Amino acid sequence: MLENMPDAVRAYLALTIAGDRTAAIVAFAEDAHVTDDGASHDGVTAVRAWLDRPAGDYTFTTTPLSAKSTMDTEDGEALVTCRVEGNFPGGLVDLDYRFTLDETRRIARLVIGPHL
C-alpha cells in the first residue's frame, strides 16, 4: 500500500515501524516541523530529539491501514493512517500521519493526530 508514497515517507515509516527511529532523521529537511501529541518540534535538532525520545513504559506496534498521496498537486501531501496497538491506556488508536515535502523531496512537515 505504501508503494505510491514518496521515498521519504516510505523511509520514515519503514524505519520507525522497524524500531530504528533515530535513523529516520535522514528523511527530514533541516528546517522540518513535527507536531505530535500536542507538542511541536521545529528544526532538525528538535526533530532528532523527538525521534530519540524513549517510548516510555509502553510497547506497541504500528500497522499502516491506508495511504493516499496528492503530491502531484500544488498543496500536495501524503496521508497515511496507521493503527497503533499496545499496552498503553485504551490499547488501540488509529492515527493520521500527514506529510508535506520540501523541494528536495524530504519531509518538511509531519502532523500526527487522531484519525478523522
PDB file of N, CA and C in Angstrom:
ATOM      1  N   MET A   1       0.802  -1.202   0.000  1.00  0.00           N
ATOM      2  CA  MET A   1       0.000   0.000   0.000  1.00  0.00           C
ATOM      3  C   MET A   1       0.844   1.264   0.000  1.00  0.00           C
ATOM      4  N   LEU A   2       2.085   1.185   0.466  1.00  0.00           N
ATOM      5  CA  LEU A   2       2.944   2.361   0.532  1.00  0.00           C
ATOM      6  C   LEU A   2       3.785   2.555  -0.730  1.00  0.00           C
ATOM      7  N   GLU A   3       3.623   1.685  -1.712  1.00  0.00           N
ATOM      8  CA  GLU A   3       4.470   1.760  -2.903  1.00  0.00           C
ATOM      9  C   GLU A   3       4.309   3.065  -3.669  1.00  0.00           C
ATOM     10  N   ASN A   4       3.183   3.736  -3.573  1.00  0.00           N
ATOM     11  CA  ASN A   4       2.979   5.001  -4.279  1.00  0.00           C
ATOM     12  C   ASN A   4       3.320   6.221  -3.421  1.00  0.00           C
ATOM     13  N   MET A   5       3.806   5.987  -2.229  1.00  0.00           N
ATOM     14  CA  MET A   5       4.213   7.088  -1.358  1.00  0.00           C
ATOM     15  C   MET A   5       5.608   7.567  -1.754  1.00  0.00           C
ATOM     16  N   PRO A   6       5.905   8.845  -1.509  1.00  0.00           N
ATOM     17  CA  PRO A   6       7.256   9.357  -1.765  1.00  0.00           C
ATOM     18  C   PRO A   6       8.301   8.593  -0.953  1.00  0.00           C
ATOM     19  N   ASP A   7       9.521   8.570  -1.462  1.00  0.00           N
ATOM     20  CA  ASP A   7      10.608   7.833  -0.811  1.00  0.00           C
ATOM     21  C   ASP A   7      10.792   8.226   0.659  1.00  0.00           C
ATOM     22  N   ALA A   8      10.739   9.531   0.957  1.00  0.00           N
ATOM     23  CA  ALA A   8      10.962   9.984   2.339  1.00  0.00           C
ATOM     24  C   ALA A   8       9.883   9.454   3.277  1.00  0.00           C
ATOM     25  N   VAL A   9       8.658   9.391   2.806  1.00  0.00           N
ATOM     26  CA  VAL A   9       7.552   8.877   3.624  1.00  0.00           C
ATOM     27  C   VAL A   9       7.743   7.392   3.864  1.00  0.00           C
ATOM     28  N   ARG A  10       8.060   6.650   2.807  1.00  0.00           N
ATOM     29  CA  ARG A  10       8.294   5.207   2.959  1.00  0.00           C
ATOM     30  C   ARG A  10       9.461   4.935   3.899  1.00  0.00           C
ATOM     31  N   ALA A  11      10.537   5.720   3.759  1.00  0.00           N
ATOM     32  CA  ALA A  11      11.713   5.527   4.620  1.00  0.00           C
ATOM     33  C   ALA A  11      11.360   5.800   6.081  1.00  0.00           C
ATOM     34  N   TYR A  12      10.691   6.920   6.348  1.00  0.00           N
ATOM     35  CA  TYR A  12      10.305   7.238   7.718  1.00  0.00           C
ATOM     36  C   TYR A  12       9.464   6.116   8.322  1.00  0.00           C
ATOM     37  N   LEU A  13       8.444   5.683   7.606  1.00  0.00           N
ATOM     38  CA  LEU A  13       7.560   4.643   8.149  1.00  0.00           C
ATOM     39  C   LEU A  13       8.291   3.317   8.333  1.00  0.00           C
ATOM     40  N   ALA A  14       9.085   2.920   7.348  1.00  0.00           N
ATOM     41  CA  ALA A  14       9.814   1.649   7.452  1.00  0.00           C
ATOM     42  C   ALA A  14      10.754   1.658   8.654  1.00  0.00           C
ATOM     43  N   LEU A  15      11.490   2.736   8.825  1.00  0.00           N
ATOM     44  CA  LEU A  15      12.457   2.808   9.921  1.00  0.00           C
ATOM     45  C   LEU A  15      11.777   2.881  11.281  1.00  0.00           C
ATOM     46  N   THR A  16      10.728   3.677  11.398  1.00  0.00           N
ATOM     47  CA  THR A  16      10.074   3.793  12.707  1.00  0.00           C
ATOM     48  C   THR A  16       9.296   2.529  13.057  1.00  0.00           C
ATOM     49  N   ILE A  17       8.658   1.908  12.089  1.00  0.00           N
ATOM     50  CA  ILE A  17       7.930   0.664  12.354  1.00  0.00           C
ATOM     51  C   ILE A  17       8.900  -0.442  12.756  1.00  0.00           C
ATOM     52  N   ALA A  18      10.089  -0.441  12.147  1.00  0.00           N
ATOM     53  CA  ALA A  18      11.101  -1.449  12.477  1.00  0.00           C
ATOM     54  C   ALA A  18      11.804  -1.155  13.800  1.00  0.00           C
ATOM     55  N   GLY A  19      11.501  -0.006  14.406  1.00  0.00           N
ATOM     56  CA  GLY A  19      12.100   0.317  15.697  1.00  0.00           C
ATOM     57  C   GLY A  19      13.384   1.111  15.610  1.00  0.00           C
ATOM     58  N   ASP A  20      13.779   1.551  14.415  1.00  0.00           N
ATOM     59  CA  ASP A  20      15.003   2.325  14.245  1.00  0.00           C
ATOM     60  C   ASP A  20      14.653   3.798  14.054  1.00  0.00           C
ATOM     61  N   ARG A  21      14.023   4.363  15.068  1.00  0.00           N
ATOM     62  CA  ARG A  21      13.522   5.739  14.983  1.00  0.00           C
ATOM     63  C   ARG A  21      14.639   6.751  14.744  1.00  0.00           C
ATOM     64  N   THR A  22      15.798   6.559  15.347  1.00  0.00           N
ATOM     65  CA  THR A  22      16.868   7.547  15.207  1.00  0.00           C
ATOM     66  C   THR A  22      17.365   7.630  13.769  1.00  0.00           C
ATOM     67  N   ALA A  23      17.362   6.538  13.039  1.00  0.00           N
ATOM     68  CA  ALA A  23      17.812   6.544  11.648  1.00  0.00           C
ATOM     69  C   ALA A  23      16.830   7.289  10.746  1.00  0.00           C
ATOM     70  N   ALA A  24      15.599   7.451  11.192  1.00  0.00           N
ATOM     71  CA  ALA A  24      14.572   8.105  10.376  1.00  0.00           C
ATOM     72  C   ALA A  24      14.851   9.590  10.161  1.00  0.00           C
ATOM     73  N   ILE A  25      15.814  10.175  10.863  1.00  0.00           N
ATOM     74  CA  ILE A  25      16.126  11.589  10.693  1.00  0.00           C
ATOM     75  C   ILE A  25      16.551  11.880   9.259  1.00  0.00           C
ATOM     76  N   VAL A  26      17.090  10.910   8.544  1.00  0.00           N
ATOM     77  CA  VAL A  26      17.537  11.125   7.168  1.00  0.00           C
ATOM     78  C   VAL A  26      16.392  11.537   6.245  1.00  0.00           C
ATOM     79  N   ALA A  27      15.168  11.250   6.622  1.00  0.00           N
ATOM     80  CA  ALA A  27      14.016  11.574   5.782  1.00  0.00           C
ATOM     81  C   ALA A  27      13.565  13.022   5.941  1.00  0.00           C
ATOM     82  N   PHE A  28      14.099  13.751   6.933  1.00  0.00           N
ATOM     83  CA  PHE A  28      13.620  15.089   7.262  1.00  0.00           C
ATOM     84  C   PHE A  28      14.524  16.190   6.710  1.00  0.00           C
ATOM     85  N   ALA A  29      13.902  17.300   6.328  1.00  0.00           N
ATOM     86  CA  ALA A  29      14.620  18.501   5.915  1.00  0.00           C
ATOM     87  C   ALA A  29      15.227  19.180   7.143  1.00  0.00           C
ATOM     88  N   GLU A  30      16.218  20.021   6.921  1.00  0.00           N
ATOM     89  CA  GLU A  30      16.896  20.723   8.014  1.00  0.00           C
ATOM     90  C   GLU A  30      15.925  21.586   8.824  1.00  0.00           C
ATOM     91  N   ASP A  31      14.938  22.171   8.172  1.00  0.00           N
ATOM     92  CA  ASP A  31      14.005  23.055   8.869  1.00  0.00           C
ATOM     93  C   ASP A  31      12.640  22.393   9.073  1.00  0.00           C
ATOM     94  N   ALA A  32      12.645  21.078   9.215  1.00  0.00           N
ATOM     95  CA  ALA A  32      11.400  20.314   9.370  1.00  0.00           C
ATOM     96  C   ALA A  32      10.634  20.727  10.618  1.00  0.00           C
ATOM     97  N   HIS A  33       9.337  20.504  10.548  1.00  0.00           N
ATOM     98  CA  HIS A  33       8.440  20.795  11.669  1.00  0.00           C
ATOM     99  C   HIS A  33       7.586  19.555  11.910  1.00  0.00           C
ATOM    100  N   VAL A  34       7.555  19.080  13.157  1.00  0.00           N
ATOM    101  CA  VAL A  34       6.741  17.922  13.531  1.00  0.00           C
ATOM    102  C   VAL A  34       5.796  18.341  14.646  1.00  0.00           C
ATOM    103  N   THR A  35       4.531  17.945  14.503  1.00  0.00           N
ATOM    104  CA  THR A  35       3.553  18.116  15.573  1.00  0.00           C
ATOM    105  C   THR A  35       3.050  16.730  15.939  1.00  0.00           C
ATOM    106  N   ASP A  36       3.205  16.375  17.206  1.00  0.00           N
ATOM    107  CA  ASP A  36       2.799  15.057  17.692  1.00  0.00           C
ATOM    108  C   ASP A  36       2.342  15.197  19.138  1.00  0.00           C
ATOM    109  N   ASP A  37       1.207  14.616  19.434  1.00  0.00           N
ATOM    110  CA  ASP A  37       0.679  14.600  20.797  1.00  0.00           C
ATOM    111  C   ASP A  37       0.592  16.005  21.395  1.00  0.00           C
ATOM    112  N   GLY A  38       0.227  16.982  20.556  1.00  0.00           N
ATOM    113  CA  GLY A  38       0.049  18.347  21.016  1.00  0.00           C
ATOM    114  C   GLY A  38       1.320  19.160  21.162  1.00  0.00           C
ATOM    115  N   ALA A  39       2.464  18.574  20.876  1.00  0.00           N
ATOM    116  CA  ALA A  39       3.738  19.293  21.006  1.00  0.00           C
ATOM    117  C   ALA A  39       4.353  19.516  19.628  1.00  0.00           C
ATOM    118  N   SER A  40       5.030  20.661  19.482  1.00  0.00           N
ATOM    119  CA  SER A  40       5.701  20.994  18.225  1.00  0.00           C
ATOM    120  C   SER A  40       7.199  20.849  18.379  1.00  0.00           C
ATOM    121  N   HIS A  41       7.829  20.413  17.310  1.00  0.00           N
ATOM    122  CA  HIS A  41       9.279  20.210  17.269  1.00  0.00           C
ATOM    123  C   HIS A  41       9.767  20.856  15.979  1.00  0.00           C
ATOM    124  N   ASP A  42      10.516  21.963  16.096  1.00  0.00           N
ATOM    125  CA  ASP A  42      10.934  22.743  14.945  1.00  0.00           C
ATOM    126  C   ASP A  42      12.427  22.637  14.712  1.00  0.00           C
ATOM    127  N   GLY A  43      12.804  22.282  13.491  1.00  0.00           N
ATOM    128  CA  GLY A  43      14.201  22.166  13.110  1.00  0.00           C
ATOM    129  C   GLY A  43      14.725  20.761  13.336  1.00  0.00           C
ATOM    130  N   VAL A  44      15.772  20.423  12.603  1.00  0.00           N
ATOM    131  CA  VAL A  44      16.279  19.053  12.615  1.00  0.00           C
ATOM    132  C   VAL A  44      16.772  18.622  14.001  1.00  0.00           C
ATOM    133  N   THR A  45      17.296  19.540  14.798  1.00  0.00           N
ATOM    134  CA  THR A  45      17.771  19.177  16.138  1.00  0.00           C
ATOM    135  C   THR A  45      16.600  18.770  17.026  1.00  0.00           C
ATOM    136  N   ALA A  46      15.518  19.532  16.979  1.00  0.00           N
ATOM    137  CA  ALA A  46      14.332  19.198  17.783  1.00  0.00           C
ATOM    138  C   ALA A  46      13.655  17.937  17.270  1.00  0.00           C
ATOM    139  N   VAL A  47      13.632  17.757  15.951  1.00  0.00           N
ATOM    140  CA  VAL A  47      13.037  16.539  15.384  1.00  0.00           C
ATOM    141  C   VAL A  47      13.864  15.327  15.786  1.00  0.00           C
ATOM    142  N   ARG A  48      15.180  15.456  15.763  1.00  0.00           N
ATOM    143  CA  ARG A  48      16.055  14.345  16.185  1.00  0.00           C
ATOM    144  C   ARG A  48      15.785  13.988  17.649  1.00  0.00           C
ATOM    145  N   ALA A  49      15.633  14.992  18.512  1.00  0.00           N
ATOM    146  CA  ALA A  49      15.334  14.732  19.925  1.00  0.00           C
ATOM    147  C   ALA A  49      13.983  14.033  20.064  1.00  0.00           C
ATOM    148  N   TRP A  50      13.000  14.446  19.262  1.00  0.00           N
ATOM    149  CA  TRP A  50      11.679  13.792  19.276  1.00  0.00           C
ATOM    150  C   TRP A  50      11.811  12.333  18.845  1.00  0.00           C
ATOM    151  N   LEU A  51      12.588  12.077  17.805  1.00  0.00           N
ATOM    152  CA  LEU A  51      12.786  10.703  17.345  1.00  0.00           C
ATOM    153  C   LEU A  51      13.546   9.869  18.373  1.00  0.00           C
ATOM    154  N   ASP A  52      14.480  10.493  19.088  1.00  0.00           N
ATOM    155  CA  ASP A  52      15.316   9.780  20.063  1.00  0.00           C
ATOM    156  C   ASP A  52      14.619   9.530  21.391  1.00  0.00           C
ATOM    157  N   ARG A  53      13.469  10.165  21.616  1.00  0.00           N
ATOM    158  CA  ARG A  53      12.807  10.047  22.912  1.00  0.00           C
ATOM    159  C   ARG A  53      12.481   8.588  23.209  1.00  0.00           C
ATOM    160  N   PRO A  54      12.557   8.223  24.458  1.00  0.00           N
ATOM    161  CA  PRO A  54      12.212   6.851  24.823  1.00  0.00           C
ATOM    162  C   PRO A  54      10.718   6.603  24.620  1.00  0.00           C
ATOM    163  N   ALA A  55      10.373   5.380  24.327  1.00  0.00           N
ATOM    164  CA  ALA A  55       8.965   5.016  24.129  1.00  0.00           C
ATOM    165  C   ALA A  55       8.217   4.967  25.451  1.00  0.00           C
ATOM    166  N   GLY A  56       8.934   5.128  26.540  1.00  0.00           N
ATOM    167  CA  GLY A  56       8.283   5.098  27.852  1.00  0.00           C
ATOM    168  C   GLY A  56       8.050   3.678  28.312  1.00  0.00           C
ATOM    169  N   ASP A  57       7.033   3.516  29.097  1.00  0.00           N
ATOM    170  CA  ASP A  57       6.733   2.210  29.671  1.00  0.00           C
ATOM    171  C   ASP A  57       5.866   1.354  28.759  1.00  0.00           C
ATOM    172  N   TYR A  58       5.590   1.845  27.572  1.00  0.00           N
ATOM    173  CA  TYR A  58       4.662   1.153  26.685  1.00  0.00           C
ATOM    174  C   TYR A  58       5.391   0.436  25.559  1.00  0.00           C
ATOM    175  N   THR A  59       4.842  -0.696  25.186  1.00  0.00           N
ATOM    176  CA  THR A  59       5.275  -1.368  23.968  1.00  0.00           C
ATOM    177  C   THR A  59       4.089  -1.324  23.013  1.00  0.00           C
ATOM    178  N   PHE A  60       4.385  -1.174  21.725  1.00  0.00           N
ATOM    179  CA  PHE A  60       3.304  -1.044  20.761  1.00  0.00           C
ATOM    180  C   PHE A  60       3.784  -1.447  19.374  1.00  0.00           C
ATOM    181  N   THR A  61       2.821  -1.728  18.519  1.00  0.00           N
ATOM    182  CA  THR A  61       3.088  -1.988  17.112  1.00  0.00           C
ATOM    183  C   THR A  61       2.325  -0.954  16.294  1.00  0.00           C
ATOM    184  N   THR A  62       2.859  -0.652  15.128  1.00  0.00           N
ATOM    185  CA  THR A  62       2.233   0.304  14.220  1.00  0.00           C
ATOM    186  C   THR A  62       2.023  -0.391  12.885  1.00  0.00           C
ATOM    187  N   THR A  63       0.785  -0.351  12.406  1.00  0.00           N
ATOM    188  CA  THR A  63       0.431  -1.009  11.149  1.00  0.00           C
ATOM    189  C   THR A  63      -0.269  -0.009  10.235  1.00  0.00           C
ATOM    190  N   PRO A  64       0.299   0.276   9.055  1.00  0.00           N
ATOM    191  CA  PRO A  64      -0.396   1.150   8.109  1.00  0.00           C
ATOM    192  C   PRO A  64      -1.710   0.518   7.649  1.00  0.00           C
ATOM    193  N   LEU A  65      -2.768   1.324   7.649  1.00  0.00           N
ATOM    194  CA  LEU A  65      -4.086   0.871   7.215  1.00  0.00           C
ATOM    195  C   LEU A  65      -4.455   1.402   5.831  1.00  0.00           C
ATOM    196  N   SER A  66      -4.064   2.652   5.556  1.00  0.00           N
ATOM    197  CA  SER A  66      -4.372   3.258   4.262  1.00  0.00           C
ATOM    198  C   SER A  66      -3.344   4.327   3.958  1.00  0.00           C
ATOM    199  N   ALA A  67      -3.204   4.635   2.676  1.00  0.00           N
ATOM    200  CA  ALA A  67      -2.252   5.648   2.251  1.00  0.00           C
ATOM    201  C   ALA A  67      -2.801   6.366   1.024  1.00  0.00           C
ATOM    202  N   LYS A  68      -2.659   7.678   1.036  1.00  0.00           N
ATOM    203  CA  LYS A  68      -3.137   8.495  -0.074  1.00  0.00           C
ATOM    204  C   LYS A  68      -2.132   9.618  -0.293  1.00  0.00           C
ATOM    205  N   SER A  69      -1.778   9.860  -1.538  1.00  0.00           N
ATOM    206  CA  SER A  69      -0.837  10.921  -1.853  1.00  0.00           C
ATOM    207  C   SER A  69      -1.442  11.869  -2.878  1.00  0.00           C
ATOM    208  N   THR A  70      -1.314  13.165  -2.595  1.00  0.00           N
ATOM    209  CA  THR A  70      -1.684  14.198  -3.562  1.00  0.00           C
ATOM    210  C   THR A  70      -0.450  15.061  -3.839  1.00  0.00           C
ATOM    211  N   MET A  71       0.728  14.437  -3.828  1.00  0.00           N
ATOM    212  CA  MET A  71       1.984  15.157  -4.003  1.00  0.00           C
ATOM    213  C   MET A  71       2.087  15.829  -5.366  1.00  0.00           C
ATOM    214  N   ASP A  72       1.312  15.384  -6.329  1.00  0.00           N
ATOM    215  CA  ASP A  72       1.384  15.973  -7.660  1.00  0.00           C
ATOM    216  C   ASP A  72       0.525  17.232  -7.801  1.00  0.00           C
ATOM    217  N   THR A  73      -0.091  17.676  -6.718  1.00  0.00           N
ATOM    218  CA  THR A  73      -0.876  18.906  -6.745  1.00  0.00           C
ATOM    219  C   THR A  73      -0.125  20.010  -6.011  1.00  0.00           C
ATOM    220  N   GLU A  74      -0.561  21.239  -6.195  1.00  0.00           N
ATOM    221  CA  GLU A  74       0.148  22.383  -5.619  1.00  0.00           C
ATOM    222  C   GLU A  74       0.229  22.323  -4.095  1.00  0.00           C
ATOM    223  N   ASP A  75      -0.847  21.904  -3.445  1.00  0.00           N
ATOM    224  CA  ASP A  75      -0.843  21.811  -1.979  1.00  0.00           C
ATOM    225  C   ASP A  75      -0.748  20.359  -1.543  1.00  0.00           C
ATOM    226  N   GLY A  76       0.052  19.613  -2.258  1.00  0.00           N
ATOM    227  CA  GLY A  76       0.126  18.169  -2.063  1.00  0.00           C
ATOM    228  C   GLY A  76       0.633  17.739  -0.707  1.00  0.00           C
ATOM    229  N   GLU A  77       0.107  16.618  -0.288  1.00  0.00           N
ATOM    230  CA  GLU A  77       0.549  15.984   0.943  1.00  0.00           C
ATOM    231  C   GLU A  77       0.367  14.481   0.804  1.00  0.00           C
ATOM    232  N   ALA A  78       0.989  13.769   1.679  1.00  0.00           N
ATOM    233  CA  ALA A  78       0.774  12.327   1.781  1.00  0.00           C
ATOM    234  C   ALA A  78       0.096  12.086   3.117  1.00  0.00           C
ATOM    235  N   LEU A  79      -0.924  11.258   3.101  1.00  0.00           N
ATOM    236  CA  LEU A  79      -1.669  10.927   4.311  1.00  0.00           C
ATOM    237  C   LEU A  79      -1.619   9.420   4.495  1.00  0.00           C
ATOM    238  N   VAL A  80      -1.090   8.996   5.619  1.00  0.00           N
ATOM    239  CA  VAL A  80      -1.035   7.574   5.955  1.00  0.00           C
ATOM    240  C   VAL A  80      -1.752   7.398   7.293  1.00  0.00           C
ATOM    241  N   THR A  81      -2.732   6.510   7.298  1.00  0.00           N
ATOM    242  CA  THR A  81      -3.434   6.181   8.535  1.00  0.00           C
ATOM    243  C   THR A  81      -2.859   4.883   9.068  1.00  0.00           C
ATOM    244  N   CYS A  82      -2.460   4.900  10.336  1.00  0.00           N
ATOM    245  CA  CYS A  82      -1.853   3.728  10.972  1.00  0.00           C
ATOM    246  C   CYS A  82      -2.633   3.344  12.217  1.00  0.00           C
ATOM    247  N   ARG A  83      -2.685   2.058  12.462  1.00  0.00           N
ATOM    248  CA  ARG A  83      -3.250   1.552  13.709  1.00  0.00           C
ATOM    249  C   ARG A  83      -2.092   1.289  14.663  1.00  0.00           C
ATOM    250  N   VAL A  84      -2.197   1.857  15.855  1.00  0.00           N
ATOM    251  CA  VAL A  84      -1.187   1.649  16.896  1.00  0.00           C
ATOM    252  C   VAL A  84      -1.849   0.837  17.992  1.00  0.00           C
ATOM    253  N   GLU A  85      -1.261  -0.325  18.285  1.00  0.00           N
ATOM    254  CA  GLU A  85      -1.794  -1.220  19.320  1.00  0.00           C
ATOM    255  C   GLU A  85      -0.699  -1.495  20.333  1.00  0.00           C
ATOM    256  N   GLY A  86      -1.067  -1.474  21.613  1.00  0.00           N
ATOM    257  CA  GLY A  86      -0.076  -1.750  22.637  1.00  0.00           C
ATOM    258  C   GLY A  86      -0.656  -1.766  24.028  1.00  0.00           C
ATOM    259  N   ASN A  87       0.244  -1.660  24.999  1.00  0.00           N
ATOM    260  CA  ASN A  87      -0.172  -1.741  26.395  1.00  0.00           C
ATOM    261  C   ASN A  87      -0.350  -0.359  27.024  1.00  0.00           C
ATOM    262  N   PHE A  88      -0.682   0.635  26.214  1.00  0.00           N
ATOM    263  CA  PHE A  88      -0.979   1.979  26.706  1.00  0.00           C
ATOM    264  C   PHE A  88      -2.477   2.068  27.017  1.00  0.00           C
ATOM    265  N   PRO A  89      -2.908   3.088  27.765  1.00  0.00           N
ATOM    266  CA  PRO A  89      -4.334   3.212  28.088  1.00  0.00           C
ATOM    267  C   PRO A  89      -5.190   3.216  26.817  1.00  0.00           C
ATOM    268  N   GLY A  90      -6.183   2.388  26.787  1.00  0.00           N
ATOM    269  CA  GLY A  90      -7.035   2.247  25.611  1.00  0.00           C
ATOM    270  C   GLY A  90      -6.562   1.142  24.686  1.00  0.00           C
ATOM    271  N   GLY A  91      -5.266   0.945  24.592  1.00  0.00           N
ATOM    272  CA  GLY A  91      -4.680  -0.177  23.870  1.00  0.00           C
ATOM    273  C   GLY A  91      -4.743  -0.136  22.358  1.00  0.00           C
ATOM    274  N   LEU A  92      -5.530   0.777  21.789  1.00  0.00           N
ATOM    275  CA  LEU A  92      -5.695   0.818  20.334  1.00  0.00           C
ATOM    276  C   LEU A  92      -6.072   2.225  19.917  1.00  0.00           C
ATOM    277  N   VAL A  93      -5.380   2.739  18.896  1.00  0.00           N
ATOM    278  CA  VAL A  93      -5.720   4.047  18.345  1.00  0.00           C
ATOM    279  C   VAL A  93      -5.330   4.072  16.868  1.00  0.00           C
ATOM    280  N   ASP A  94      -6.158   4.709  16.066  1.00  0.00           N
ATOM    281  CA  ASP A  94      -5.829   4.948  14.667  1.00  0.00           C
ATOM    282  C   ASP A  94      -5.364   6.392  14.550  1.00  0.00           C
ATOM    283  N   LEU A  95      -4.187   6.585  13.953  1.00  0.00           N
ATOM    284  CA  LEU A  95      -3.594   7.908  13.823  1.00  0.00           C
ATOM    285  C   LEU A  95      -3.375   8.263  12.361  1.00  0.00           C
ATOM    286  N   ASP A  96      -3.566   9.532  12.037  1.00  0.00           N
ATOM    287  CA  ASP A  96      -3.242  10.053  10.719  1.00  0.00           C
ATOM    288  C   ASP A  96      -1.865  10.695  10.770  1.00  0.00           C
ATOM    289  N   TYR A  97      -1.034  10.346   9.812  1.00  0.00           N
ATOM    290  CA  TYR A  97       0.287  10.937   9.625  1.00  0.00           C
ATOM    291  C   TYR A  97       0.210  11.759   8.343  1.00  0.00           C
ATOM    292  N   ARG A  98       0.252  13.090   8.481  1.00  0.00           N
ATOM    293  CA  ARG A  98       0.158  13.993   7.328  1.00  0.00           C
ATOM    294  C   ARG A  98       1.551  14.551   7.031  1.00  0.00           C
ATOM    295  N   PHE A  99       2.049  14.217   5.847  1.00  0.00           N
ATOM    296  CA  PHE A  99       3.388  14.610   5.425  1.00  0.00           C
ATOM    297  C   PHE A  99       3.317  15.674   4.339  1.00  0.00           C
ATOM    298  N   THR A 100       4.170  16.673   4.455  1.00  0.00           N
ATOM    299  CA  THR A 100       4.410  17.632   3.384  1.00  0.00           C
ATOM    300  C   THR A 100       5.907  17.602   3.115  1.00  0.00           C
ATOM    301  N   LEU A 101       6.281  17.598   1.840  1.00  0.00           N
ATOM    302  CA  LEU A 101       7.691  17.529   1.470  1.00  0.00           C
ATOM    303  C   LEU A 101       8.195  18.882   0.997  1.00  0.00           C
ATOM    304  N   ASP A 102       9.504  19.087   1.085  1.00  0.00           N
ATOM    305  CA  ASP A 102      10.100  20.309   0.549  1.00  0.00           C
ATOM    306  C   ASP A 102      10.541  20.057  -0.891  1.00  0.00           C
ATOM    307  N   GLU A 103      11.212  21.032  -1.467  1.00  0.00           N
ATOM    308  CA  GLU A 103      11.629  20.912  -2.875  1.00  0.00           C
ATOM    309  C   GLU A 103      12.671  19.816  -3.100  1.00  0.00           C
ATOM    310  N   THR A 104      13.345  19.374  -2.057  1.00  0.00           N
ATOM    311  CA  THR A 104      14.318  18.280  -2.189  1.00  0.00           C
ATOM    312  C   THR A 104      13.671  16.917  -1.934  1.00  0.00           C
ATOM    313  N   ARG A 105      12.342  16.922  -1.728  1.00  0.00           N
ATOM    314  CA  ARG A 105      11.549  15.709  -1.505  1.00  0.00           C
ATOM    315  C   ARG A 105      11.822  15.063  -0.146  1.00  0.00           C
ATOM    316  N   ARG A 106      12.268  15.876   0.810  1.00  0.00           N
ATOM    317  CA  ARG A 106      12.404  15.415   2.188  1.00  0.00           C
ATOM    318  C   ARG A 106      11.230  15.952   2.987  1.00  0.00           C
ATOM    319  N   ILE A 107      10.983  15.372   4.150  1.00  0.00           N
ATOM    320  CA  ILE A 107       9.830  15.760   4.956  1.00  0.00           C
ATOM    321  C   ILE A 107      10.054  17.152   5.541  1.00  0.00           C
ATOM    322  N   ALA A 108       9.185  18.080   5.155  1.00  0.00           N
ATOM    323  CA  ALA A 108       9.233  19.445   5.683  1.00  0.00           C
ATOM    324  C   ALA A 108       8.291  19.582   6.877  1.00  0.00           C
ATOM    325  N   ARG A 109       7.192  18.821   6.836  1.00  0.00           N
ATOM    326  CA  ARG A 109       6.178  18.914   7.900  1.00  0.00           C
ATOM    327  C   ARG A 109       5.542  17.557   8.091  1.00  0.00           C
ATOM    328  N   LEU A 110       5.383  17.176   9.345  1.00  0.00           N
ATOM    329  CA  LEU A 110       4.682  15.955   9.719  1.00  0.00           C
ATOM    330  C   LEU A 110       3.764  16.301  10.882  1.00  0.00           C
ATOM    331  N   VAL A 111       2.479  16.023  10.683  1.00  0.00           N
ATOM    332  CA  VAL A 111       1.496  16.235  11.730  1.00  0.00           C
ATOM    333  C   VAL A 111       0.851  14.894  12.030  1.00  0.00           C
ATOM    334  N   ILE A 112       0.944  14.456  13.274  1.00  0.00           N
ATOM    335  CA  ILE A 112       0.380  13.183  13.703  1.00  0.00           C
ATOM    336  C   ILE A 112      -0.788  13.473  14.645  1.00  0.00           C
ATOM    337  N   GLY A 113      -1.935  12.902  14.331  1.00  0.00           N
ATOM    338  CA  GLY A 113      -3.101  13.145  15.169  1.00  0.00           C
ATOM    339  C   GLY A 113      -4.132  12.054  14.996  1.00  0.00           C
ATOM    340  N   PRO A 114      -5.182  12.091  15.797  1.00  0.00           N
ATOM    341  CA  PRO A 114      -6.226  11.070  15.713  1.00  0.00           C
ATOM    342  C   PRO A 114      -6.837  11.010  14.306  1.00  0.00           C
ATOM    343  N   HIS A 115      -7.149   9.820  13.879  1.00  0.00           N
ATOM    344  CA  HIS A 115      -7.771   9.622  12.568  1.00  0.00           C
ATOM    345  C   HIS A 115      -9.128  10.303  12.548  1.00  0.00           C
ATOM    346  N   LEU A 116      -9.368  11.056  11.500  1.00  0.00           N
ATOM    347  CA  LEU A 116     -10.651  11.755  11.359  1.00  0.00           C
ATOM    348  C   LEU A 116     -11.600  10.995  10.478  1.00  0.00           C
TER     349      LEU A 116
END
